[in-house]
Amino acid sequence: MTVKPKTFIVEEPTAVRRRAKIVCTLGPSSNTEEQIRQLLLQGMDVARLNFSHGTHQEHLQRIRTLRKLAAELGRTVCVLQDLQGPKIRTSALRNHTPVELVPGSRVTITNKEIEGTAELLGTTFKTLAREAEIGSRILLSDGRLSLKVLKVKGDDVICEVIDGGLLGEHQGINLPGAVLSAPSLTRKDKKDLAFGLSVHVDAVAISFVRSAADVRAVKKIIAAAGSDTSVIAKREKPQAIETLEEILEIADGSWWRAVIWASRSRPKRFPSSRSTSSGAPSTGASL
């Protein structure tokens, strides 16, 4: 696999120097050469490639197009590989039809292979029953819906619906405050990271960061590959607040995704967006 290495070109002078960076996600809706050209002309500084979706070949084509156009336009652009991290989601629904979760009703979440209904939902999170505690909250669909754990029976977690609404397929599951055993770097992430390093991405964003050890693990892989690619820590988990200083010391940058669990779980304090002591920027962006 041959990809033109990243080339840094002096940007065109501007009357006012913009310090904020514009991050754009490249995907099916921004895939053509003309679309990417327009993003560059409008000021895109960072091209985010979401590795939750797409094949390596599709991402490779975007990188090639991006670098070709950046060189033609005399622009500098950072290629940011955003790794998927652990998939903690609900499973498929019966007839692929969204279900209505009514406040006060009961719903069971199971790790069994089932077609979900309003009373029984499947999950990709196979150890949920071992992680959930009685009385704790489970948030669904970026926190729009919330459940309270009533009891755990085998591999099933029986809950009461607190904040209801319409639930689609493959929606995110979050356990505010819970220290989950899932690794921040999955087998898929390691394969994707190897690909990213082979095509010389400029930075790698890692999900599910809870401690500096999560960042060190990725930096170790990067160093072993003979690369100095920057590592961006995504601050999405409540545990990251407790170890924030250590994370910022070792990460080359970070962003805080202001997901709804923050307001639902009402933590006592939030991380502020600032630079690390080593000068690595914290974007404070919700991407």
Protein backbone atom coordinates (compact mmCIF):
# COMPACT_ATOMS: atom_id res chain seq x y z
CA MET A 1 0.00 0.00 0.00
CA THR A 2 1.56 3.28 -1.12
CA VAL A 3 0.28 6.61 0.10
CA LYS A 4 1.88 9.97 -0.42
CA PRO A 5 3.36 11.02 2.95
CA LYS A 6 1.89 14.05 4.66
CA THR A 7 3.27 17.32 3.33
CA PHE A 8 3.19 20.55 5.27
CA ILE A 9 2.75 23.68 3.17
CA VAL A 10 2.73 27.25 4.40
CA GLU A 11 -0.83 28.50 4.50
CA GLU A 12 -1.93 31.57 2.65
CA PRO A 13 -1.60 34.80 4.69
CA THR A 14 -4.76 36.22 6.20
CA ALA A 15 -5.61 39.60 7.64
CA VAL A 16 -6.73 38.08 10.95
CA ARG A 17 -4.99 35.00 12.30
CA ARG A 18 -7.62 32.44 13.32
CA ARG A 19 -6.57 30.40 16.34
CA ALA A 20 -9.57 28.07 16.47
CA LYS A 21 -9.33 24.99 14.26
CA ILE A 22 -12.19 23.71 12.14
CA VAL A 23 -12.68 19.93 12.31
CA CYS A 24 -14.76 18.24 9.59
CA THR A 25 -15.77 14.59 9.47
CA LEU A 26 -15.32 13.03 6.05
CA GLY A 27 -17.88 10.37 5.18
CA PRO A 28 -20.56 9.41 2.65
CA SER A 29 -22.00 12.94 2.69
CA SER A 30 -18.61 14.57 2.04
CA ASN A 31 -16.92 11.99 -0.11
CA THR A 32 -16.40 13.46 -3.56
CA GLU A 33 -13.41 15.43 -4.73
CA GLU A 34 -15.49 18.57 -5.17
CA GLN A 35 -17.03 18.29 -1.70
CA ILE A 36 -13.62 17.89 -0.08
CA ARG A 37 -12.28 20.81 -2.15
CA GLN A 38 -15.08 23.03 -0.87
CA LEU A 39 -14.38 22.03 2.74
CA LEU A 40 -10.75 23.01 2.28
CA LEU A 41 -11.70 26.31 0.66
CA GLN A 42 -14.07 27.07 3.53
CA GLY A 43 -11.28 26.59 6.09
CA MET A 44 -11.16 22.93 7.15
CA ASP A 45 -8.02 22.43 9.26
CA VAL A 46 -8.59 18.85 10.45
CA ALA A 47 -10.17 16.02 8.47
CA ARG A 48 -11.66 13.48 10.88
CA LEU A 49 -12.06 9.92 9.65
CA ASN A 50 -14.57 8.02 11.79
CA PHE A 51 -13.42 4.40 11.98
CA SER A 52 -16.74 3.32 13.46
CA HIS A 53 -17.83 3.26 9.81
CA GLY A 54 -16.27 2.55 6.44
CA THR A 55 -13.61 0.18 5.13
CA HIS A 56 -9.87 0.73 5.02
CA GLN A 57 -10.08 1.11 1.25
CA GLU A 58 -12.74 3.83 1.57
CA HIS A 59 -10.67 5.74 4.13
CA LEU A 60 -7.56 5.32 1.98
CA GLN A 61 -9.32 6.90 -0.98
CA ARG A 62 -10.42 9.87 1.15
CA ILE A 63 -6.87 10.39 2.42
CA ARG A 64 -5.44 10.31 -1.11
CA THR A 65 -8.04 12.77 -2.38
CA LEU A 66 -7.58 15.04 0.62
CA ARG A 67 -3.80 15.22 0.31
CA LYS A 68 -3.91 15.78 -3.44
CA LEU A 69 -6.35 18.68 -3.09
CA ALA A 70 -4.51 20.18 -0.12
CA ALA A 71 -1.31 20.27 -2.16
CA GLU A 72 -3.11 21.86 -5.12
CA LEU A 73 -4.65 24.55 -2.90
CA GLY A 74 -1.53 25.18 -0.84
CA ARG A 75 -3.31 24.17 2.36
CA THR A 76 -2.11 22.36 5.45
CA VAL A 77 -4.59 19.81 6.77
CA CYS A 78 -4.33 17.31 9.61
CA VAL A 79 -5.65 13.79 9.02
CA LEU A 80 -7.25 12.64 12.27
CA GLN A 81 -8.04 8.95 12.68
CA ASP A 82 -10.86 8.54 15.22
CA LEU A 83 -10.84 4.97 16.56
CA GLN A 84 -14.17 3.36 17.39
CA GLY A 85 -13.41 2.00 20.86
CA PRO A 86 -15.66 -0.55 22.59
CA LYS A 87 -19.13 -0.94 21.07
CA ILE A 88 -21.62 -0.63 23.91
CA ARG A 89 -24.93 -0.48 22.11
CA THR A 90 -28.39 -1.92 21.94
CA SER A 91 -28.97 -4.66 19.36
CA ALA A 92 -31.38 -4.97 16.44
CA LEU A 93 -35.13 -4.49 16.92
CA ARG A 94 -37.98 -6.62 15.65
CA ASN A 95 -38.77 -5.64 12.05
CA HIS A 96 -36.08 -2.95 12.47
CA THR A 97 -38.79 -0.69 13.88
CA PRO A 98 -38.15 1.81 16.74
CA VAL A 99 -39.93 1.06 20.01
CA GLU A 100 -41.56 3.39 22.53
CA LEU A 101 -40.23 3.16 26.09
CA VAL A 102 -42.93 4.46 28.42
CA PRO A 103 -41.95 6.04 31.77
CA GLY A 104 -42.83 3.69 34.64
CA SER A 105 -42.78 0.57 32.47
CA ARG A 106 -40.25 -2.23 32.80
CA VAL A 107 -37.70 -3.30 30.23
CA THR A 108 -35.12 -6.07 30.39
CA ILE A 109 -31.71 -5.79 28.74
CA THR A 110 -30.11 -9.11 27.83
CA ASN A 111 -26.91 -10.21 26.12
CA LYS A 112 -28.78 -12.96 24.31
CA GLU A 113 -29.24 -12.81 20.53
CA ILE A 114 -32.81 -11.52 20.23
CA GLU A 115 -34.93 -9.13 18.19
CA GLY A 116 -35.67 -6.32 20.58
CA THR A 117 -39.06 -5.05 21.71
CA ALA A 118 -40.25 -2.40 24.17
CA GLU A 119 -40.10 -5.06 26.91
CA LEU A 120 -36.86 -6.86 25.96
CA LEU A 121 -33.73 -5.28 24.47
CA GLY A 122 -30.53 -6.96 23.35
CA THR A 123 -27.05 -5.50 23.78
CA THR A 124 -23.57 -5.91 22.34
CA PHE A 125 -22.21 -5.34 25.86
CA LYS A 126 -21.92 -8.98 26.93
CA THR A 127 -20.87 -8.25 30.53
CA LEU A 128 -23.57 -5.67 31.28
CA ALA A 129 -25.13 -7.87 34.00
CA ARG A 130 -21.79 -7.97 35.84
CA GLU A 131 -21.24 -4.23 35.53
CA ALA A 132 -24.70 -2.86 36.41
CA GLU A 133 -25.56 -2.19 40.05
CA ILE A 134 -29.04 -2.17 41.57
CA GLY A 135 -30.30 1.40 41.79
CA SER A 136 -27.87 2.73 39.18
CA ARG A 137 -28.83 4.53 35.98
CA ILE A 138 -28.47 3.28 32.42
CA LEU A 139 -28.64 5.92 29.70
CA LEU A 140 -29.65 5.12 26.13
CA SER A 141 -29.36 7.02 22.85
CA ASP A 142 -26.89 9.70 24.04
CA GLY A 143 -28.80 10.12 27.28
CA ARG A 144 -32.20 10.96 25.79
CA LEU A 145 -33.68 7.94 27.57
CA SER A 146 -32.81 6.74 31.06
CA LEU A 147 -33.47 3.56 33.00
CA LYS A 148 -33.09 2.58 36.65
CA VAL A 149 -31.71 -0.88 37.44
CA LEU A 150 -34.18 -2.82 39.60
CA LYS A 151 -32.47 -6.22 39.70
CA VAL A 152 -30.02 -8.46 37.90
CA LYS A 153 -31.01 -12.00 37.04
CA GLY A 154 -28.35 -14.10 35.35
CA ASP A 155 -27.39 -12.32 32.14
CA ASP A 156 -30.47 -10.09 32.27
CA VAL A 157 -30.74 -6.59 33.73
CA ILE A 158 -34.30 -5.65 34.68
CA CYS A 159 -34.97 -1.90 34.64
CA GLU A 160 -37.66 0.71 35.13
CA VAL A 161 -38.00 3.38 32.45
CA ILE A 162 -37.44 6.83 34.00
CA ASP A 163 -37.13 9.10 30.97
CA GLY A 164 -38.96 7.51 28.06
CA GLY A 165 -39.18 8.06 24.35
CA LEU A 166 -38.60 6.42 21.00
CA LEU A 167 -35.62 4.07 20.82
CA GLY A 168 -34.08 2.99 17.51
CA GLU A 169 -31.65 0.19 16.75
CA HIS A 170 -27.97 0.12 17.71
CA GLN A 171 -28.14 3.03 20.14
CA GLY A 172 -25.40 3.83 22.63
CA ILE A 173 -25.55 2.56 26.22
CA ASN A 174 -23.89 4.50 29.02
CA LEU A 175 -23.56 3.69 32.73
CA PRO A 176 -22.74 7.01 34.44
CA GLY A 177 -20.17 6.61 37.19
CA ALA A 178 -19.59 2.90 36.58
CA VAL A 179 -16.00 1.72 36.17
CA LEU A 180 -16.39 -0.62 33.21
CA SER A 181 -14.03 -3.50 32.51
CA ALA A 182 -14.13 -3.07 28.73
CA PRO A 183 -10.69 -2.18 27.30
CA SER A 184 -10.32 1.21 25.63
CA LEU A 185 -8.52 -0.40 22.67
CA THR A 186 -10.28 -3.32 20.99
CA ARG A 187 -8.95 -5.85 18.49
CA LYS A 188 -10.60 -3.85 15.71
CA ASP A 189 -8.98 -0.64 16.99
CA LYS A 190 -5.53 -2.25 16.85
CA LYS A 191 -6.05 -3.30 13.23
CA ASP A 192 -7.36 0.15 12.35
CA LEU A 193 -4.45 1.82 14.13
CA ALA A 194 -1.94 -0.29 12.19
CA PHE A 195 -3.64 0.81 8.98
CA GLY A 196 -3.63 4.46 10.05
CA LEU A 197 0.07 4.38 10.84
CA SER A 198 0.82 2.73 7.49
CA VAL A 199 -0.79 5.66 5.65
CA HIS A 200 0.82 8.29 7.90
CA VAL A 201 -2.21 9.81 9.63
CA ASP A 202 -1.22 12.93 11.57
CA ALA A 203 -3.13 12.15 14.77
CA VAL A 204 -5.12 9.35 16.38
CA ALA A 205 -8.12 9.97 18.65
CA ILE A 206 -8.92 7.23 21.17
CA SER A 207 -12.32 6.67 22.74
CA PHE A 208 -13.26 5.39 26.20
CA VAL A 209 -10.24 6.99 27.88
CA ARG A 210 -10.43 6.59 31.65
CA SER A 211 -6.80 6.94 32.72
CA ALA A 212 -3.34 7.84 31.47
CA ALA A 213 -2.67 4.11 31.06
CA ASP A 214 -5.15 4.03 28.16
CA VAL A 215 -3.13 6.73 26.38
CA ARG A 216 0.20 5.04 27.16
CA ALA A 217 -1.01 1.78 25.60
CA VAL A 218 -1.67 3.52 22.29
CA LYS A 219 1.57 5.50 22.39
CA LYS A 220 3.49 2.24 22.96
CA ILE A 221 1.99 0.72 19.79
CA ILE A 222 2.77 3.88 17.82
CA ALA A 223 6.37 3.97 19.04
CA ALA A 224 6.85 0.27 18.22
CA ALA A 225 5.81 1.09 14.65
CA GLY A 226 8.54 3.75 14.48
CA SER A 227 6.05 6.60 14.37
CA ASP A 228 5.54 9.77 16.41
CA THR A 229 1.87 10.22 15.50
CA SER A 230 0.04 12.42 18.01
CA VAL A 231 -2.55 10.89 20.35
CA ILE A 232 -5.77 12.74 21.19
CA ALA A 233 -7.67 11.57 24.27
CA LYS A 234 -11.46 11.82 24.01
CA ARG A 235 -12.86 12.68 27.44
CA GLU A 236 -16.20 10.88 27.27
CA LYS A 237 -16.21 8.85 30.50
CA PRO A 238 -16.80 10.23 34.02
CA GLN A 239 -13.68 8.41 35.26
CA ALA A 240 -11.56 10.69 33.05
CA ILE A 241 -12.47 13.61 35.32
CA GLU A 242 -10.76 11.98 38.29
CA THR A 243 -7.51 11.37 36.36
CA LEU A 244 -7.68 14.43 34.14
CA GLU A 245 -4.26 15.88 35.06
CA GLU A 246 -2.47 12.59 34.35
CA ILE A 247 -4.28 12.18 31.03
CA LEU A 248 -3.43 15.70 29.88
CA GLU A 249 0.21 15.25 30.89
CA ILE A 250 0.74 12.31 28.52
CA ALA A 251 -1.76 13.00 25.71
CA ASP A 252 -0.80 15.31 22.85
CA GLY A 253 -4.26 16.82 22.95
CA SER A 254 -7.79 16.10 24.08
CA TRP A 255 -11.38 16.97 23.51
CA TRP A 256 -14.30 16.82 25.86
CA ARG A 257 -17.44 15.41 24.34
CA ALA A 258 -20.27 17.09 26.19
CA VAL A 259 -22.67 14.19 26.06
CA ILE A 260 -25.98 14.27 27.87
CA TRP A 261 -24.88 11.94 30.68
CA ALA A 262 -23.20 15.01 32.14
CA SER A 263 -26.46 16.77 32.90
CA ARG A 264 -28.34 13.57 33.72
CA SER A 265 -25.87 12.30 36.28
CA ARG A 266 -25.15 15.76 37.67
CA PRO A 267 -21.45 15.38 38.50
CA LYS A 268 -20.03 17.76 41.08
CA ARG A 269 -17.35 19.13 38.77
CA PHE A 270 -16.42 19.20 35.11
CA PRO A 271 -13.06 19.30 33.38
CA SER A 272 -12.15 22.66 31.94
CA SER A 273 -10.63 23.11 28.49
CA ARG A 274 -7.03 24.20 28.85
CA SER A 275 -3.53 23.38 27.72
CA THR A 276 -1.43 20.74 29.44
CA SER A 277 1.71 21.81 31.23
CA SER A 278 3.69 20.52 28.26
CA GLY A 279 1.76 22.78 25.91
CA ALA A 280 -0.41 20.12 24.29
CA PRO A 281 -3.74 21.74 23.37
CA SER A 282 -7.10 20.73 24.71
CA THR A 283 -9.70 21.50 22.08
CA GLY A 284 -12.72 21.40 24.37
CA ALA A 285 -14.70 20.53 21.25
CA SER A 286 -17.74 18.31 20.96
CA LEU A 287 -17.18 16.30 17.81
